Amino acid sequence: MLTRRNLIQTGAAAGLMSAASPVFATVMPSQPRIAPGLLARARAALDRRPWVPNRDVLAIADYMQPSREQRFYLVNLLNGMVTSYHVAHGRGSDPYHSGYLNYFSNEPGSLASSSGAYMTADVYYGKYGRSLRLRGLDYTNSNAEARAIVVHAAAYAEPQVVDQFGKLGRSEGCFTLSQLSLQYVLQQLGPGRLLYSDKV
């Protein structure tokens, strides 16, 4: 069972940079925040898709940040709470393993991360255990299902890897989290919600 302490360790609560909602005004400025341009893009992507059934939680991957940072966010759109986690990017997006995502690709076999909006689908058990399927909604990630781009956990995305090497390992294009982070993300995100990936 995840405790408050565990959640603080794996994803500190953060504020949203929005003056439009009074909920966000109560957040302490010292807490980590999502880049406002990226948040605006993600919310616009959700607004353009009224058929996405679950609109309480929005996931955002900020690939402008290096992999040593907690750059995968869960945004609770009802109360303004944000939790953040480490997430690995694709080896094809970072061929020299600098820790930075250099470019996106939607091409099969590219081993790269893709940008754009995804809708989460079912949870299943695969090569890496519990995983969350994704459906690409943009031309930039339309091959997500064919490429088996999913959310899963792996040893190379554990916080200890950052402690040792200053960066995470790389995926084959999937959104890869630590084991503990994945459990909370699957619990809060689940099927039928939007995940947005980009650099701003």
C-alpha atoms as a PDB file:
ATOM      1  CA  MET A   1       0.000   0.000   0.000  1.00  0.00           C
ATOM      2  CA  LEU A   2       1.319   3.412  -0.956  1.00  0.00           C
ATOM      3  CA  THR A   3       1.732   5.784   1.947  1.00  0.00           C
ATOM      4  CA  ARG A   4       1.947   9.569   1.875  1.00  0.00           C
ATOM      5  CA  ARG A   5       5.664   9.265   2.555  1.00  0.00           C
ATOM      6  CA  ASN A   6       6.099   6.973  -0.439  1.00  0.00           C
ATOM      7  CA  LEU A   7       4.239   9.398  -2.664  1.00  0.00           C
ATOM      8  CA  ILE A   8       6.408  12.263  -1.495  1.00  0.00           C
ATOM      9  CA  GLN A   9       9.515  10.224  -2.251  1.00  0.00           C
ATOM     10  CA  THR A  10       8.355   9.173  -5.735  1.00  0.00           C
ATOM     11  CA  GLY A  11       6.456  12.269  -6.816  1.00  0.00           C
ATOM     12  CA  ALA A  12       6.331  15.489  -4.858  1.00  0.00           C
ATOM     13  CA  ALA A  13       3.100  17.453  -4.983  1.00  0.00           C
ATOM     14  CA  ALA A  14       3.498  20.443  -7.295  1.00  0.00           C
ATOM     15  CA  GLY A  15       1.504  23.455  -8.379  1.00  0.00           C
ATOM     16  CA  LEU A  16       0.137  24.339 -11.785  1.00  0.00           C
ATOM     17  CA  MET A  17       1.153  27.626 -13.339  1.00  0.00           C
ATOM     18  CA  SER A  18      -2.332  28.929 -13.971  1.00  0.00           C
ATOM     19  CA  ALA A  19      -3.940  32.077 -12.700  1.00  0.00           C
ATOM     20  CA  ALA A  20      -7.330  31.050 -14.029  1.00  0.00           C
ATOM     21  CA  SER A  21      -8.219  28.714 -11.189  1.00  0.00           C
ATOM     22  CA  PRO A  22      -8.328  29.773  -7.527  1.00  0.00           C
ATOM     23  CA  VAL A  23      -7.227  26.272  -6.451  1.00  0.00           C
ATOM     24  CA  PHE A  24      -3.753  26.872  -7.865  1.00  0.00           C
ATOM     25  CA  ALA A  25      -3.218  30.122  -5.964  1.00  0.00           C
ATOM     26  CA  THR A  26      -2.782  28.234  -2.681  1.00  0.00           C
ATOM     27  CA  VAL A  27       0.228  26.214  -3.881  1.00  0.00           C
ATOM     28  CA  MET A  28       3.590  27.179  -2.392  1.00  0.00           C
ATOM     29  CA  PRO A  29       5.937  28.739  -4.994  1.00  0.00           C
ATOM     30  CA  SER A  30       8.833  26.526  -3.864  1.00  0.00           C
ATOM     31  CA  GLN A  31       7.128  23.415  -5.215  1.00  0.00           C
ATOM     32  CA  PRO A  32       8.060  22.121  -8.701  1.00  0.00           C
ATOM     33  CA  ARG A  33       5.860  23.354 -11.523  1.00  0.00           C
ATOM     34  CA  ILE A  34       5.038  22.235 -15.041  1.00  0.00           C
ATOM     35  CA  ALA A  35       6.290  24.516 -17.812  1.00  0.00           C
ATOM     36  CA  PRO A  36       3.257  26.729 -18.551  1.00  0.00           C
ATOM     37  CA  GLY A  37       3.578  26.363 -22.323  1.00  0.00           C
ATOM     38  CA  LEU A  38       3.583  22.578 -22.081  1.00  0.00           C
ATOM     39  CA  LEU A  39       0.660  22.554 -19.684  1.00  0.00           C
ATOM     40  CA  ALA A  40      -1.308  24.793 -22.054  1.00  0.00           C
ATOM     41  CA  ARG A  41      -0.617  22.449 -24.974  1.00  0.00           C
ATOM     42  CA  ALA A  42      -1.656  19.402 -22.984  1.00  0.00           C
ATOM     43  CA  ARG A  43      -4.898  20.993 -21.810  1.00  0.00           C
ATOM     44  CA  ALA A  44      -5.668  22.164 -25.351  1.00  0.00           C
ATOM     45  CA  ALA A  45      -5.093  18.609 -26.610  1.00  0.00           C
ATOM     46  CA  LEU A  46      -7.637  17.358 -24.081  1.00  0.00           C
ATOM     47  CA  ASP A  47     -10.122  20.127 -24.942  1.00  0.00           C
ATOM     48  CA  ARG A  48      -9.969  19.180 -28.632  1.00  0.00           C
ATOM     49  CA  ARG A  49     -11.022  15.631 -27.767  1.00  0.00           C
ATOM     50  CA  PRO A  50     -14.318  15.791 -25.854  1.00  0.00           C
ATOM     51  CA  TRP A  51     -14.777  12.074 -26.476  1.00  0.00           C
ATOM     52  CA  VAL A  52     -11.938  11.144 -24.079  1.00  0.00           C
ATOM     53  CA  PRO A  53     -14.091   9.612 -21.319  1.00  0.00           C
ATOM     54  CA  ASN A  54     -12.111  10.334 -18.149  1.00  0.00           C
ATOM     55  CA  ARG A  55     -11.112  13.980 -17.714  1.00  0.00           C
ATOM     56  CA  ASP A  56     -10.106  14.150 -14.064  1.00  0.00           C
ATOM     57  CA  VAL A  57      -6.403  13.281 -14.468  1.00  0.00           C
ATOM     58  CA  LEU A  58      -4.011  14.328 -17.227  1.00  0.00           C
ATOM     59  CA  ALA A  59      -0.499  12.878 -17.708  1.00  0.00           C
ATOM     60  CA  ILE A  60       2.306  15.002 -19.171  1.00  0.00           C
ATOM     61  CA  ALA A  61       5.847  13.985 -20.162  1.00  0.00           C
ATOM     62  CA  ASP A  62       8.146  17.020 -20.351  1.00  0.00           C
ATOM     63  CA  TYR A  63      11.016  15.906 -22.560  1.00  0.00           C
ATOM     64  CA  MET A  64      12.681  19.302 -22.518  1.00  0.00           C
ATOM     65  CA  GLN A  65      14.069  18.229 -19.141  1.00  0.00           C
ATOM     66  CA  PRO A  66      16.901  15.673 -18.828  1.00  0.00           C
ATOM     67  CA  SER A  67      16.156  12.176 -17.607  1.00  0.00           C
ATOM     68  CA  ARG A  68      17.703  12.866 -14.198  1.00  0.00           C
ATOM     69  CA  GLU A  69      14.706  15.108 -13.424  1.00  0.00           C
ATOM     70  CA  GLN A  70      11.205  14.028 -12.420  1.00  0.00           C
ATOM     71  CA  ARG A  71       9.593  15.021 -15.697  1.00  0.00           C
ATOM     72  CA  PHE A  72       6.495  12.798 -15.901  1.00  0.00           C
ATOM     73  CA  TYR A  73       3.522  14.524 -14.278  1.00  0.00           C
ATOM     74  CA  LEU A  74       0.065  13.455 -13.202  1.00  0.00           C
ATOM     75  CA  VAL A  75      -2.200  16.497 -13.069  1.00  0.00           C
ATOM     76  CA  ASN A  76      -5.404  16.260 -11.059  1.00  0.00           C
ATOM     77  CA  LEU A  77      -7.651  18.672 -12.947  1.00  0.00           C
ATOM     78  CA  LEU A  78     -10.218  18.685 -10.135  1.00  0.00           C
ATOM     79  CA  ASN A  79      -8.035  19.994  -7.311  1.00  0.00           C
ATOM     80  CA  GLY A  80      -4.827  21.195  -8.982  1.00  0.00           C
ATOM     81  CA  MET A  81      -2.521  18.636  -7.345  1.00  0.00           C
ATOM     82  CA  VAL A  82       0.439  17.442  -9.390  1.00  0.00           C
ATOM     83  CA  THR A  83       2.757  14.506  -8.703  1.00  0.00           C
ATOM     84  CA  SER A  84       6.006  14.002 -10.609  1.00  0.00           C
ATOM     85  CA  TYR A  85       8.146  10.970 -11.446  1.00  0.00           C
ATOM     86  CA  HIS A  86      11.237   9.966 -13.358  1.00  0.00           C
ATOM     87  CA  VAL A  87      10.573   8.628 -16.866  1.00  0.00           C
ATOM     88  CA  ALA A  88      13.002   7.241 -19.447  1.00  0.00           C
ATOM     89  CA  HIS A  89      12.964   8.221 -23.117  1.00  0.00           C
ATOM     90  CA  GLY A  90      13.775   6.131 -26.176  1.00  0.00           C
ATOM     91  CA  ARG A  91      17.341   5.240 -27.118  1.00  0.00           C
ATOM     92  CA  GLY A  92      16.647   6.356 -30.686  1.00  0.00           C
ATOM     93  CA  SER A  93      15.894   9.849 -29.357  1.00  0.00           C
ATOM     94  CA  ASP A  94      19.230   9.964 -27.514  1.00  0.00           C
ATOM     95  CA  PRO A  95      21.705   7.847 -29.510  1.00  0.00           C
ATOM     96  CA  TYR A  96      24.757   9.028 -27.553  1.00  0.00           C
ATOM     97  CA  HIS A  97      23.031   8.566 -24.177  1.00  0.00           C
ATOM     98  CA  SER A  98      23.474  12.157 -23.062  1.00  0.00           C
ATOM     99  CA  GLY A  99      20.398  11.990 -20.825  1.00  0.00           C
ATOM    100  CA  TYR A 100      18.568  14.462 -23.073  1.00  0.00           C
ATOM    101  CA  LEU A 101      15.903  13.677 -25.668  1.00  0.00           C
ATOM    102  CA  ASN A 102      17.245  15.157 -28.913  1.00  0.00           C
ATOM    103  CA  TYR A 103      14.405  14.386 -31.314  1.00  0.00           C
ATOM    104  CA  PHE A 104      11.134  12.486 -31.667  1.00  0.00           C
ATOM    105  CA  SER A 105      10.210   9.842 -34.218  1.00  0.00           C
ATOM    106  CA  ASN A 106       7.065   7.932 -35.115  1.00  0.00           C
ATOM    107  CA  GLU A 107       8.867   5.512 -37.415  1.00  0.00           C
ATOM    108  CA  PRO A 108       8.753   1.764 -36.681  1.00  0.00           C
ATOM    109  CA  GLY A 109      12.187   0.521 -35.657  1.00  0.00           C
ATOM    110  CA  SER A 110      13.388   3.996 -34.661  1.00  0.00           C
ATOM    111  CA  LEU A 111      13.474   3.088 -30.935  1.00  0.00           C
ATOM    112  CA  ALA A 112      12.621   6.756 -30.346  1.00  0.00           C
ATOM    113  CA  SER A 113      10.025   8.508 -28.224  1.00  0.00           C
ATOM    114  CA  SER A 114       7.103  10.125 -30.022  1.00  0.00           C
ATOM    115  CA  SER A 115       5.442  13.449 -29.301  1.00  0.00           C
ATOM    116  CA  GLY A 116       1.741  14.218 -29.152  1.00  0.00           C
ATOM    117  CA  ALA A 117      -1.419  13.110 -27.402  1.00  0.00           C
ATOM    118  CA  TYR A 118      -2.135   9.517 -26.438  1.00  0.00           C
ATOM    119  CA  MET A 119      -5.214   7.933 -24.923  1.00  0.00           C
ATOM    120  CA  THR A 120      -4.553   5.322 -22.278  1.00  0.00           C
ATOM    121  CA  ALA A 121      -6.100   1.905 -22.885  1.00  0.00           C
ATOM    122  CA  ASP A 122      -6.088  -1.330 -20.879  1.00  0.00           C
ATOM    123  CA  VAL A 123      -3.680  -2.554 -18.233  1.00  0.00           C
ATOM    124  CA  TYR A 124      -2.047  -5.863 -19.141  1.00  0.00           C
ATOM    125  CA  TYR A 125       0.819  -8.111 -18.080  1.00  0.00           C
ATOM    126  CA  GLY A 126       3.718  -8.123 -20.526  1.00  0.00           C
ATOM    127  CA  LYS A 127       7.496  -8.483 -20.695  1.00  0.00           C
ATOM    128  CA  TYR A 128       7.937  -5.913 -17.914  1.00  0.00           C
ATOM    129  CA  GLY A 129       4.968  -6.958 -15.790  1.00  0.00           C
ATOM    130  CA  ARG A 130       1.961  -4.655 -15.381  1.00  0.00           C
ATOM    131  CA  SER A 131       1.841  -2.182 -18.241  1.00  0.00           C
ATOM    132  CA  LEU A 132      -0.569   0.351 -19.726  1.00  0.00           C
ATOM    133  CA  ARG A 133      -1.351   0.322 -23.438  1.00  0.00           C
ATOM    134  CA  LEU A 134      -1.463   3.601 -25.346  1.00  0.00           C
ATOM    135  CA  ARG A 135      -3.195   4.723 -28.517  1.00  0.00           C
ATOM    136  CA  GLY A 136      -1.534   7.539 -30.470  1.00  0.00           C
ATOM    137  CA  LEU A 137      -3.979  10.306 -31.400  1.00  0.00           C
ATOM    138  CA  ASP A 138      -1.723  12.506 -33.568  1.00  0.00           C
ATOM    139  CA  TYR A 139       0.184  11.999 -36.822  1.00  0.00           C
ATOM    140  CA  THR A 140       3.359  12.276 -34.727  1.00  0.00           C
ATOM    141  CA  ASN A 141       2.519   9.130 -32.714  1.00  0.00           C
ATOM    142  CA  SER A 142       0.031   7.266 -34.920  1.00  0.00           C
ATOM    143  CA  ASN A 143       2.232   4.145 -34.905  1.00  0.00           C
ATOM    144  CA  ALA A 144       2.215   3.820 -31.112  1.00  0.00           C
ATOM    145  CA  GLU A 145       0.133   0.634 -31.077  1.00  0.00           C
ATOM    146  CA  ALA A 146       2.088  -0.975 -33.929  1.00  0.00           C
ATOM    147  CA  ARG A 147       5.343  -0.079 -32.148  1.00  0.00           C
ATOM    148  CA  ALA A 148       4.008  -1.386 -28.789  1.00  0.00           C
ATOM    149  CA  ILE A 149       4.626   1.981 -27.098  1.00  0.00           C
ATOM    150  CA  VAL A 150       3.270   1.586 -23.556  1.00  0.00           C
ATOM    151  CA  VAL A 151       3.804   2.735 -19.970  1.00  0.00           C
ATOM    152  CA  HIS A 152       5.819   0.169 -17.997  1.00  0.00           C
ATOM    153  CA  ALA A 153       8.494  -0.173 -15.330  1.00  0.00           C
ATOM    154  CA  ALA A 154      12.098  -1.303 -15.725  1.00  0.00           C
ATOM    155  CA  ALA A 155      15.283  -1.453 -13.652  1.00  0.00           C
ATOM    156  CA  TYR A 156      16.969   1.255 -15.759  1.00  0.00           C
ATOM    157  CA  ALA A 157      14.326   3.781 -14.624  1.00  0.00           C
ATOM    158  CA  GLU A 158      14.871   3.322 -10.880  1.00  0.00           C
ATOM    159  CA  PRO A 159      16.042   6.401  -8.896  1.00  0.00           C
ATOM    160  CA  GLN A 160      19.251   4.593  -7.965  1.00  0.00           C
ATOM    161  CA  VAL A 161      20.291   4.733 -11.631  1.00  0.00           C
ATOM    162  CA  VAL A 162      20.170   8.532 -11.486  1.00  0.00           C
ATOM    163  CA  ASP A 163      22.149   8.464  -8.233  1.00  0.00           C
ATOM    164  CA  GLN A 164      24.853   6.332  -9.834  1.00  0.00           C
ATOM    165  CA  PHE A 165      25.033   7.674 -13.403  1.00  0.00           C
ATOM    166  CA  GLY A 166      23.325  11.078 -13.286  1.00  0.00           C
ATOM    167  CA  LYS A 167      20.689   9.944 -15.785  1.00  0.00           C
ATOM    168  CA  LEU A 168      18.279   7.093 -16.456  1.00  0.00           C
ATOM    169  CA  GLY A 169      18.774   4.302 -18.927  1.00  0.00           C
ATOM    170  CA  ARG A 170      16.853   4.397 -22.205  1.00  0.00           C
ATOM    171  CA  SER A 171      13.736   2.617 -23.425  1.00  0.00           C
ATOM    172  CA  GLU A 172      12.759   1.592 -26.947  1.00  0.00           C
ATOM    173  CA  GLY A 173      10.289   4.474 -27.096  1.00  0.00           C
ATOM    174  CA  CYS A 174       8.087   3.532 -24.146  1.00  0.00           C
ATOM    175  CA  PHE A 175       7.332   5.704 -21.123  1.00  0.00           C
ATOM    176  CA  THR A 176       9.361   3.768 -18.555  1.00  0.00           C
ATOM    177  CA  LEU A 177       9.034   4.424 -14.818  1.00  0.00           C
ATOM    178  CA  SER A 178      10.344   2.886 -11.618  1.00  0.00           C
ATOM    179  CA  GLN A 179       8.355  -0.009 -10.142  1.00  0.00           C
ATOM    180  CA  LEU A 180       6.957   2.057  -7.271  1.00  0.00           C
ATOM    181  CA  SER A 181       6.092   5.024  -9.482  1.00  0.00           C
ATOM    182  CA  LEU A 182       4.308   2.753 -11.943  1.00  0.00           C
ATOM    183  CA  GLN A 183       1.964   1.414  -9.269  1.00  0.00           C
ATOM    184  CA  TYR A 184       0.789   4.902  -8.363  1.00  0.00           C
ATOM    185  CA  VAL A 185       0.549   5.998 -11.987  1.00  0.00           C
ATOM    186  CA  LEU A 186      -1.543   2.969 -12.927  1.00  0.00           C
ATOM    187  CA  GLN A 187      -3.783   3.579  -9.914  1.00  0.00           C
ATOM    188  CA  GLN A 188      -4.365   7.246 -10.766  1.00  0.00           C
ATOM    189  CA  LEU A 189      -4.184   7.264 -14.557  1.00  0.00           C
ATOM    190  CA  GLY A 190      -5.737   4.014 -15.736  1.00  0.00           C
ATOM    191  CA  PRO A 191      -7.667   3.595 -19.002  1.00  0.00           C
ATOM    192  CA  GLY A 192      -9.498   6.301 -20.908  1.00  0.00           C
ATOM    193  CA  ARG A 193      -7.373   9.340 -20.042  1.00  0.00           C
ATOM    194  CA  LEU A 194      -4.999  11.584 -21.962  1.00  0.00           C
ATOM    195  CA  LEU A 195      -1.194  11.432 -21.852  1.00  0.00           C
ATOM    196  CA  TYR A 196       0.660  14.267 -23.579  1.00  0.00           C
ATOM    197  CA  SER A 197       4.333  14.116 -24.588  1.00  0.00           C
ATOM    198  CA  ASP A 198       6.361  17.021 -25.966  1.00  0.00           C
ATOM    199  CA  LYS A 199       9.237  19.509 -25.676  1.00  0.00           C
ATOM    200  CA  VAL A 200       8.489  23.219 -25.281  1.00  0.00           C
END
